[in-house]
């Protein structure tokens, strides 16, 4: 139930008459269905990390760091 509660927390229902639903299967995969009927399955590998993964680089997350690929050049200020 902890996993379901965590997924529900980041996918809150905004319409009490037609709420977002979260179902977690026996393998830890979460299926999220939004109020407009869109469904997304989030694999357990994206939701649960081992302690070794959590202690490792990026806390075990596959994160995209676009700032690592950006270079910025400084420009000289003009004085009038």
PDB file of N, CA and C in Angstrom:
ATOM      1  N   UNK A   1       0.806  -1.205   0.000  1.00  0.00           N
ATOM      2  CA  UNK A   1       0.000   0.000   0.000  1.00  0.00           C
ATOM      3  C   UNK A   1       0.843   1.259   0.000  1.00  0.00           C
ATOM      4  N   UNK A   2       2.080   1.190   0.471  1.00  0.00           N
ATOM      5  CA  UNK A   2       2.950   2.353   0.472  1.00  0.00           C
ATOM      6  C   UNK A   2       3.212   2.834  -0.949  1.00  0.00           C
ATOM      7  N   UNK A   3       3.442   1.907  -1.855  1.00  0.00           N
ATOM      8  CA  UNK A   3       3.720   2.249  -3.243  1.00  0.00           C
ATOM      9  C   UNK A   3       2.511   2.930  -3.882  1.00  0.00           C
ATOM     10  N   UNK A   4       1.344   2.375  -3.663  1.00  0.00           N
ATOM     11  CA  UNK A   4       0.117   2.957  -4.223  1.00  0.00           C
ATOM     12  C   UNK A   4      -0.084   4.375  -3.693  1.00  0.00           C
ATOM     13  N   UNK A   5       0.105   4.574  -2.412  1.00  0.00           N
ATOM     14  CA  UNK A   5      -0.062   5.900  -1.808  1.00  0.00           C
ATOM     15  C   UNK A   5       0.935   6.898  -2.387  1.00  0.00           C
ATOM     16  N   UNK A   6       2.165   6.460  -2.624  1.00  0.00           N
ATOM     17  CA  UNK A   6       3.186   7.349  -3.186  1.00  0.00           C
ATOM     18  C   UNK A   6       2.837   7.744  -4.621  1.00  0.00           C
ATOM     19  N   UNK A   7       2.338   6.800  -5.410  1.00  0.00           N
ATOM     20  CA  UNK A   7       1.952   7.103  -6.787  1.00  0.00           C
ATOM     21  C   UNK A   7       0.726   8.010  -6.803  1.00  0.00           C
ATOM     22  N   UNK A   8      -0.218   7.769  -5.922  1.00  0.00           N
ATOM     23  CA  UNK A   8      -1.406   8.628  -5.828  1.00  0.00           C
ATOM     24  C   UNK A   8      -1.028  10.056  -5.430  1.00  0.00           C
ATOM     25  N   UNK A   9      -0.030  10.190  -4.584  1.00  0.00           N
ATOM     26  CA  UNK A   9       0.390  11.516  -4.122  1.00  0.00           C
ATOM     27  C   UNK A   9       0.905  12.377  -5.273  1.00  0.00           C
ATOM     28  N   UNK A  10       1.623  11.787  -6.206  1.00  0.00           N
ATOM     29  CA  UNK A  10       2.150  12.559  -7.335  1.00  0.00           C
ATOM     30  C   UNK A  10       1.195  12.580  -8.530  1.00  0.00           C
ATOM     31  N   UNK A  11       0.080  11.886  -8.430  1.00  0.00           N
ATOM     32  CA  UNK A  11      -0.964  11.887  -9.460  1.00  0.00           C
ATOM     33  C   UNK A  11      -2.314  12.156  -8.793  1.00  0.00           C
ATOM     34  N   UNK A  12      -2.474  13.332  -8.193  1.00  0.00           N
ATOM     35  CA  UNK A  12      -3.693  13.602  -7.425  1.00  0.00           C
ATOM     36  C   UNK A  12      -4.934  13.726  -8.314  1.00  0.00           C
ATOM     37  N   UNK A  13      -6.064  13.365  -7.731  1.00  0.00           N
ATOM     38  CA  UNK A  13      -7.338  13.523  -8.414  1.00  0.00           C
ATOM     39  C   UNK A  13      -7.798  14.970  -8.266  1.00  0.00           C
ATOM     40  N   UNK A  14      -8.248  15.547  -9.361  1.00  0.00           N
ATOM     41  CA  UNK A  14      -8.758  16.911  -9.307  1.00  0.00           C
ATOM     42  C   UNK A  14     -10.269  16.956  -9.448  1.00  0.00           C
ATOM     43  N   UNK A  15     -10.862  15.835  -9.833  1.00  0.00           N
ATOM     44  CA  UNK A  15     -12.310  15.752 -10.021  1.00  0.00           C
ATOM     45  C   UNK A  15     -12.862  14.614  -9.172  1.00  0.00           C
ATOM     46  N   UNK A  16     -13.491  14.929  -8.035  1.00  0.00           N
ATOM     47  CA  UNK A  16     -14.001  13.864  -7.157  1.00  0.00           C
ATOM     48  C   UNK A  16     -15.036  12.959  -7.831  1.00  0.00           C
ATOM     49  N   UNK A  17     -15.746  13.474  -8.821  1.00  0.00           N
ATOM     50  CA  UNK A  17     -16.755  12.671  -9.511  1.00  0.00           C
ATOM     51  C   UNK A  17     -16.121  11.667 -10.467  1.00  0.00           C
ATOM     52  N   UNK A  18     -14.900  11.955 -10.924  1.00  0.00           N
ATOM     53  CA  UNK A  18     -14.210  11.080 -11.868  1.00  0.00           C
ATOM     54  C   UNK A  18     -12.723  11.062 -11.514  1.00  0.00           C
ATOM     55  N   UNK A  19     -12.361  10.401 -10.422  1.00  0.00           N
ATOM     56  CA  UNK A  19     -10.988  10.475  -9.904  1.00  0.00           C
ATOM     57  C   UNK A  19      -9.968   9.680 -10.714  1.00  0.00           C
ATOM     58  N   UNK A  20      -8.712  10.053 -10.529  1.00  0.00           N
ATOM     59  CA  UNK A  20      -7.597   9.290 -11.067  1.00  0.00           C
ATOM     60  C   UNK A  20      -7.486   8.006 -10.243  1.00  0.00           C
ATOM     61  N   UNK A  21      -7.284   6.878 -10.914  1.00  0.00           N
ATOM     62  CA  UNK A  21      -7.147   5.617 -10.187  1.00  0.00           C
ATOM     63  C   UNK A  21      -5.735   5.072 -10.352  1.00  0.00           C
ATOM     64  N   UNK A  22      -5.266   4.429  -9.306  1.00  0.00           N
ATOM     65  CA  UNK A  22      -3.951   3.794  -9.311  1.00  0.00           C
ATOM     66  C   UNK A  22      -4.132   2.353  -8.861  1.00  0.00           C
ATOM     67  N   UNK A  23      -3.621   1.428  -9.677  1.00  0.00           N
ATOM     68  CA  UNK A  23      -3.661   0.004  -9.341  1.00  0.00           C
ATOM     69  C   UNK A  23      -2.232  -0.521  -9.418  1.00  0.00           C
ATOM     70  N   UNK A  24      -1.782  -1.168  -8.351  1.00  0.00           N
ATOM     71  CA  UNK A  24      -0.438  -1.759  -8.311  1.00  0.00           C
ATOM     72  C   UNK A  24      -0.595  -3.275  -8.379  1.00  0.00           C
ATOM     73  N   UNK A  25       0.087  -3.894  -9.352  1.00  0.00           N
ATOM     74  CA  UNK A  25      -0.026  -5.344  -9.500  1.00  0.00           C
ATOM     75  C   UNK A  25       0.952  -6.071  -8.578  1.00  0.00           C
ATOM     76  N   UNK A  26       0.942  -7.389  -8.635  1.00  0.00           N
ATOM     77  CA  UNK A  26       1.781  -8.219  -7.767  1.00  0.00           C
ATOM     78  C   UNK A  26       3.278  -8.058  -8.033  1.00  0.00           C
ATOM     79  N   UNK A  27       3.627  -7.496  -9.184  1.00  0.00           N
ATOM     80  CA  UNK A  27       5.033  -7.303  -9.546  1.00  0.00           C
ATOM     81  C   UNK A  27       5.527  -5.896  -9.225  1.00  0.00           C
ATOM     82  N   UNK A  28       4.648  -5.035  -8.700  1.00  0.00           N
ATOM     83  CA  UNK A  28       5.032  -3.677  -8.343  1.00  0.00           C
ATOM     84  C   UNK A  28       4.841  -2.655  -9.445  1.00  0.00           C
ATOM     85  N   UNK A  29       4.264  -3.059 -10.580  1.00  0.00           N
ATOM     86  CA  UNK A  29       3.963  -2.119 -11.659  1.00  0.00           C
ATOM     87  C   UNK A  29       2.703  -1.342 -11.293  1.00  0.00           C
ATOM     88  N   UNK A  30       2.700  -0.052 -11.560  1.00  0.00           N
ATOM     89  CA  UNK A  30       1.533   0.773 -11.238  1.00  0.00           C
ATOM     90  C   UNK A  30       0.835   1.188 -12.529  1.00  0.00           C
ATOM     91  N   UNK A  31      -0.474   0.998 -12.567  1.00  0.00           N
ATOM     92  CA  UNK A  31      -1.282   1.459 -13.693  1.00  0.00           C
ATOM     93  C   UNK A  31      -2.073   2.664 -13.218  1.00  0.00           C
ATOM     94  N   UNK A  32      -1.847   3.797 -13.885  1.00  0.00           N
ATOM     95  CA  UNK A  32      -2.522   5.041 -13.527  1.00  0.00           C
ATOM     96  C   UNK A  32      -3.513   5.364 -14.632  1.00  0.00           C
ATOM     97  N   UNK A  33      -4.779   5.572 -14.250  1.00  0.00           N
ATOM     98  CA  UNK A  33      -5.812   5.964 -15.199  1.00  0.00           C
ATOM     99  C   UNK A  33      -6.330   7.327 -14.779  1.00  0.00           C
ATOM    100  N   UNK A  34      -6.221   8.297 -15.690  1.00  0.00           N
ATOM    101  CA  UNK A  34      -6.640   9.662 -15.383  1.00  0.00           C
ATOM    102  C   UNK A  34      -8.135   9.832 -15.594  1.00  0.00           C
ATOM    103  N   UNK A  35      -8.646  10.975 -15.168  1.00  0.00           N
ATOM    104  CA  UNK A  35     -10.086  11.239 -15.265  1.00  0.00           C
ATOM    105  C   UNK A  35     -10.586  11.227 -16.709  1.00  0.00           C
ATOM    106  N   UNK A  36      -9.704  11.517 -17.667  1.00  0.00           N
ATOM    107  CA  UNK A  36     -10.127  11.509 -19.069  1.00  0.00           C
ATOM    108  C   UNK A  36      -9.913  10.156 -19.752  1.00  0.00           C
ATOM    109  N   UNK A  37      -9.579   9.124 -18.956  1.00  0.00           N
ATOM    110  CA  UNK A  37      -9.472   7.770 -19.467  1.00  0.00           C
ATOM    111  C   UNK A  37      -8.110   7.367 -20.000  1.00  0.00           C
ATOM    112  N   UNK A  38      -7.131   8.249 -19.940  1.00  0.00           N
ATOM    113  CA  UNK A  38      -5.788   7.894 -20.389  1.00  0.00           C
ATOM    114  C   UNK A  38      -5.133   6.984 -19.356  1.00  0.00           C
ATOM    115  N   UNK A  39      -4.456   5.943 -19.840  1.00  0.00           N
ATOM    116  CA  UNK A  39      -3.829   4.965 -18.960  1.00  0.00           C
ATOM    117  C   UNK A  39      -2.340   4.885 -19.237  1.00  0.00           C
ATOM    118  N   UNK A  40      -1.562   4.798 -18.171  1.00  0.00           N
ATOM    119  CA  UNK A  40      -0.101   4.666 -18.274  1.00  0.00           C
ATOM    120  C   UNK A  40       0.340   3.621 -17.261  1.00  0.00           C
ATOM    121  N   UNK A  41       1.165   2.688 -17.706  1.00  0.00           N
ATOM    122  CA  UNK A  41       1.741   1.694 -16.812  1.00  0.00           C
ATOM    123  C   UNK A  41       3.162   2.146 -16.483  1.00  0.00           C
ATOM    124  N   UNK A  42       3.443   2.269 -15.200  1.00  0.00           N
ATOM    125  CA  UNK A  42       4.779   2.645 -14.736  1.00  0.00           C
ATOM    126  C   UNK A  42       5.439   1.375 -14.216  1.00  0.00           C
ATOM    127  N   UNK A  43       6.527   0.940 -14.857  1.00  0.00           N
ATOM    128  CA  UNK A  43       7.173  -0.295 -14.435  1.00  0.00           C
ATOM    129  C   UNK A  43       7.763  -0.190 -13.027  1.00  0.00           C
ATOM    130  N   UNK A  44       7.771  -1.302 -12.340  1.00  0.00           N
ATOM    131  CA  UNK A  44       8.312  -1.348 -10.977  1.00  0.00           C
ATOM    132  C   UNK A  44       9.753  -0.856 -10.940  1.00  0.00           C
ATOM    133  N   UNK A  45      10.512  -1.090 -12.008  1.00  0.00           N
ATOM    134  CA  UNK A  45      11.911  -0.665 -12.041  1.00  0.00           C
ATOM    135  C   UNK A  45      12.066   0.854 -11.959  1.00  0.00           C
ATOM    136  N   UNK A  46      11.009   1.593 -12.303  1.00  0.00           N
ATOM    137  CA  UNK A  46      11.044   3.050 -12.202  1.00  0.00           C
ATOM    138  C   UNK A  46      10.501   3.547 -10.863  1.00  0.00           C
ATOM    139  N   UNK A  47       9.896   2.642 -10.108  1.00  0.00           N
ATOM    140  CA  UNK A  47       9.255   3.036  -8.852  1.00  0.00           C
ATOM    141  C   UNK A  47      10.010   2.591  -7.609  1.00  0.00           C
ATOM    142  N   UNK A  48      10.704   1.474  -7.700  1.00  0.00           N
ATOM    143  CA  UNK A  48      11.347   0.886  -6.526  1.00  0.00           C
ATOM    144  C   UNK A  48      12.837   0.706  -6.797  1.00  0.00           C
ATOM    145  N   UNK A  49      13.660   1.109  -5.835  1.00  0.00           N
ATOM    146  CA  UNK A  49      15.114   0.987  -5.962  1.00  0.00           C
ATOM    147  C   UNK A  49      15.656   0.160  -4.801  1.00  0.00           C
ATOM    148  N   UNK A  50      16.729  -0.567  -5.064  1.00  0.00           N
ATOM    149  CA  UNK A  50      17.411  -1.265  -3.982  1.00  0.00           C
ATOM    150  C   UNK A  50      18.238  -0.247  -3.209  1.00  0.00           C
ATOM    151  N   UNK A  51      18.727  -0.617  -2.057  1.00  0.00           N
ATOM    152  CA  UNK A  51      19.557   0.300  -1.267  1.00  0.00           C
ATOM    153  C   UNK A  51      20.835   0.651  -2.018  1.00  0.00           C
ATOM    154  N   UNK A  52      21.420  -0.329  -2.718  1.00  0.00           N
ATOM    155  CA  UNK A  52      22.631  -0.065  -3.496  1.00  0.00           C
ATOM    156  C   UNK A  52      22.361   0.951  -4.603  1.00  0.00           C
ATOM    157  N   UNK A  53      21.216   0.828  -5.262  1.00  0.00           N
ATOM    158  CA  UNK A  53      20.863   1.792  -6.306  1.00  0.00           C
ATOM    159  C   UNK A  53      20.640   3.181  -5.706  1.00  0.00           C
ATOM    160  N   UNK A  54      19.955   3.234  -4.591  1.00  0.00           N
ATOM    161  CA  UNK A  54      19.672   4.518  -3.944  1.00  0.00           C
ATOM    162  C   UNK A  54      20.946   5.208  -3.481  1.00  0.00           C
ATOM    163  N   UNK A  55      21.941   4.416  -3.075  1.00  0.00           N
ATOM    164  CA  UNK A  55      23.212   4.979  -2.620  1.00  0.00           C
ATOM    165  C   UNK A  55      24.138   5.359  -3.773  1.00  0.00           C
ATOM    166  N   UNK A  56      23.830   4.880  -4.984  1.00  0.00           N
ATOM    167  CA  UNK A  56      24.705   5.104  -6.130  1.00  0.00           C
ATOM    168  C   UNK A  56      24.495   6.454  -6.800  1.00  0.00           C
ATOM    169  N   UNK A  57      25.117   6.597  -7.946  1.00  0.00           N
ATOM    170  CA  UNK A  57      25.012   7.834  -8.718  1.00  0.00           C
ATOM    171  C   UNK A  57      23.562   8.115  -9.091  1.00  0.00           C
ATOM    172  N   UNK A  58      23.152   9.343  -8.971  1.00  0.00           N
ATOM    173  CA  UNK A  58      21.788   9.794  -9.283  1.00  0.00           C
ATOM    174  C   UNK A  58      20.721   9.057  -8.476  1.00  0.00           C
ATOM    175  N   UNK A  59      21.095   8.500  -7.358  1.00  0.00           N
ATOM    176  CA  UNK A  59      20.179   7.756  -6.487  1.00  0.00           C
ATOM    177  C   UNK A  59      19.444   6.653  -7.243  1.00  0.00           C
ATOM    178  N   UNK A  60      20.110   6.089  -8.244  1.00  0.00           N
ATOM    179  CA  UNK A  60      19.515   4.996  -8.999  1.00  0.00           C
ATOM    180  C   UNK A  60      18.546   5.436 -10.065  1.00  0.00           C
ATOM    181  N   UNK A  61      18.397   6.733 -10.273  1.00  0.00           N
ATOM    182  CA  UNK A  61      17.467   7.237 -11.277  1.00  0.00           C
ATOM    183  C   UNK A  61      18.183   7.485 -12.591  1.00  0.00           C
ATOM    184  N   UNK A  62      17.489   7.248 -13.665  1.00  0.00           N
ATOM    185  CA  UNK A  62      18.019   7.521 -14.992  1.00  0.00           C
ATOM    186  C   UNK A  62      17.572   8.936 -15.355  1.00  0.00           C
ATOM    187  N   UNK A  63      18.358   9.902 -14.931  1.00  0.00           N
ATOM    188  CA  UNK A  63      17.970  11.298 -15.127  1.00  0.00           C
ATOM    189  C   UNK A  63      18.679  11.904 -16.329  1.00  0.00           C
ATOM    190  N   UNK A  64      18.009  12.831 -16.944  1.00  0.00           N
ATOM    191  CA  UNK A  64      18.549  13.549 -18.084  1.00  0.00           C
ATOM    192  C   UNK A  64      19.074  14.888 -17.586  1.00  0.00           C
ATOM    193  N   UNK A  65      20.312  15.181 -17.869  1.00  0.00           N
ATOM    194  CA  UNK A  65      20.906  16.435 -17.420  1.00  0.00           C
ATOM    195  C   UNK A  65      21.266  17.286 -18.632  1.00  0.00           C
ATOM    196  N   UNK A  66      20.299  17.979 -19.200  1.00  0.00           N
ATOM    197  CA  UNK A  66      20.624  18.763 -20.381  1.00  0.00           C
ATOM    198  C   UNK A  66      21.642  19.858 -20.110  1.00  0.00           C
ATOM    199  N   UNK A  67      21.745  20.336 -18.886  1.00  0.00           N
ATOM    200  CA  UNK A  67      22.710  21.394 -18.580  1.00  0.00           C
ATOM    201  C   UNK A  67      24.145  20.907 -18.777  1.00  0.00           C
ATOM    202  N   UNK A  68      24.376  19.612 -18.698  1.00  0.00           N
ATOM    203  CA  UNK A  68      25.712  19.075 -18.929  1.00  0.00           C
ATOM    204  C   UNK A  68      26.147  19.231 -20.390  1.00  0.00           C
ATOM    205  N   UNK A  69      25.175  19.382 -21.259  1.00  0.00           N
ATOM    206  CA  UNK A  69      25.485  19.476 -22.680  1.00  0.00           C
ATOM    207  C   UNK A  69      25.427  20.907 -23.204  1.00  0.00           C
ATOM    208  N   UNK A  70      25.171  21.837 -22.336  1.00  0.00           N
ATOM    209  CA  UNK A  70      25.041  23.229 -22.747  1.00  0.00           C
ATOM    210  C   UNK A  70      26.315  23.980 -22.404  1.00  0.00           C
ATOM    211  N   UNK A  71      26.780  24.749 -23.349  1.00  0.00           N
ATOM    212  CA  UNK A  71      27.931  25.594 -23.050  1.00  0.00           C
ATOM    213  C   UNK A  71      27.485  27.045 -23.187  1.00  0.00           C
ATOM    214  N   UNK A  72      27.981  27.852 -22.328  1.00  0.00           N
ATOM    215  CA  UNK A  72      27.628  29.265 -22.366  1.00  0.00           C
ATOM    216  C   UNK A  72      28.896  30.085 -22.483  1.00  0.00           C
ATOM    217  N   UNK A  73      28.855  31.065 -23.327  1.00  0.00           N
ATOM    218  CA  UNK A  73      29.993  31.956 -23.496  1.00  0.00           C
ATOM    219  C   UNK A  73      29.659  33.273 -22.837  1.00  0.00           C
ATOM    220  N   UNK A  74      30.631  33.823 -22.178  1.00  0.00           N
ATOM    221  CA  UNK A  74      30.410  35.122 -21.576  1.00  0.00           C
ATOM    222  C   UNK A  74      30.660  36.182 -22.628  1.00  0.00           C
ATOM    223  N   UNK A  75      29.915  37.227 -22.557  1.00  0.00           N
ATOM    224  CA  UNK A  75      30.110  38.323 -23.500  1.00  0.00           C
ATOM    225  C   UNK A  75      30.618  39.537 -22.735  1.00  0.00           C
ATOM    226  N   UNK A  76      31.315  40.364 -23.452  1.00  0.00           N
ATOM    227  CA  UNK A  76      31.832  41.569 -22.817  1.00  0.00           C
ATOM    228  C   UNK A  76      30.729  42.621 -22.817  1.00  0.00           C
ATOM    229  N   UNK A  77      30.613  43.287 -21.708  1.00  0.00           N
ATOM    230  CA  UNK A  77      29.641  44.365 -21.598  1.00  0.00           C
ATOM    231  C   UNK A  77      30.157  45.607 -22.317  1.00  0.00           C
ATOM    232  N   UNK A  78      29.281  46.249 -23.014  1.00  0.00           N
ATOM    233  CA  UNK A  78      29.667  47.499 -23.684  1.00  0.00           C
ATOM    234  C   UNK A  78      29.409  48.663 -22.764  1.00  0.00           C
ATOM    235  N   UNK A  79      30.316  49.564 -22.758  1.00  0.00           N
ATOM    236  CA  UNK A  79      30.121  50.783 -21.978  1.00  0.00           C
ATOM    237  C   UNK A  79      29.830  51.919 -22.968  1.00  0.00           C
ATOM    238  N   UNK A  80      28.863  52.701 -22.603  1.00  0.00           N
ATOM    239  CA  UNK A  80      28.544  53.811 -23.496  1.00  0.00           C
ATOM    240  C   UNK A  80      29.174  55.089 -23.062  1.00  0.00           C
TER     241      UNK A  80
END
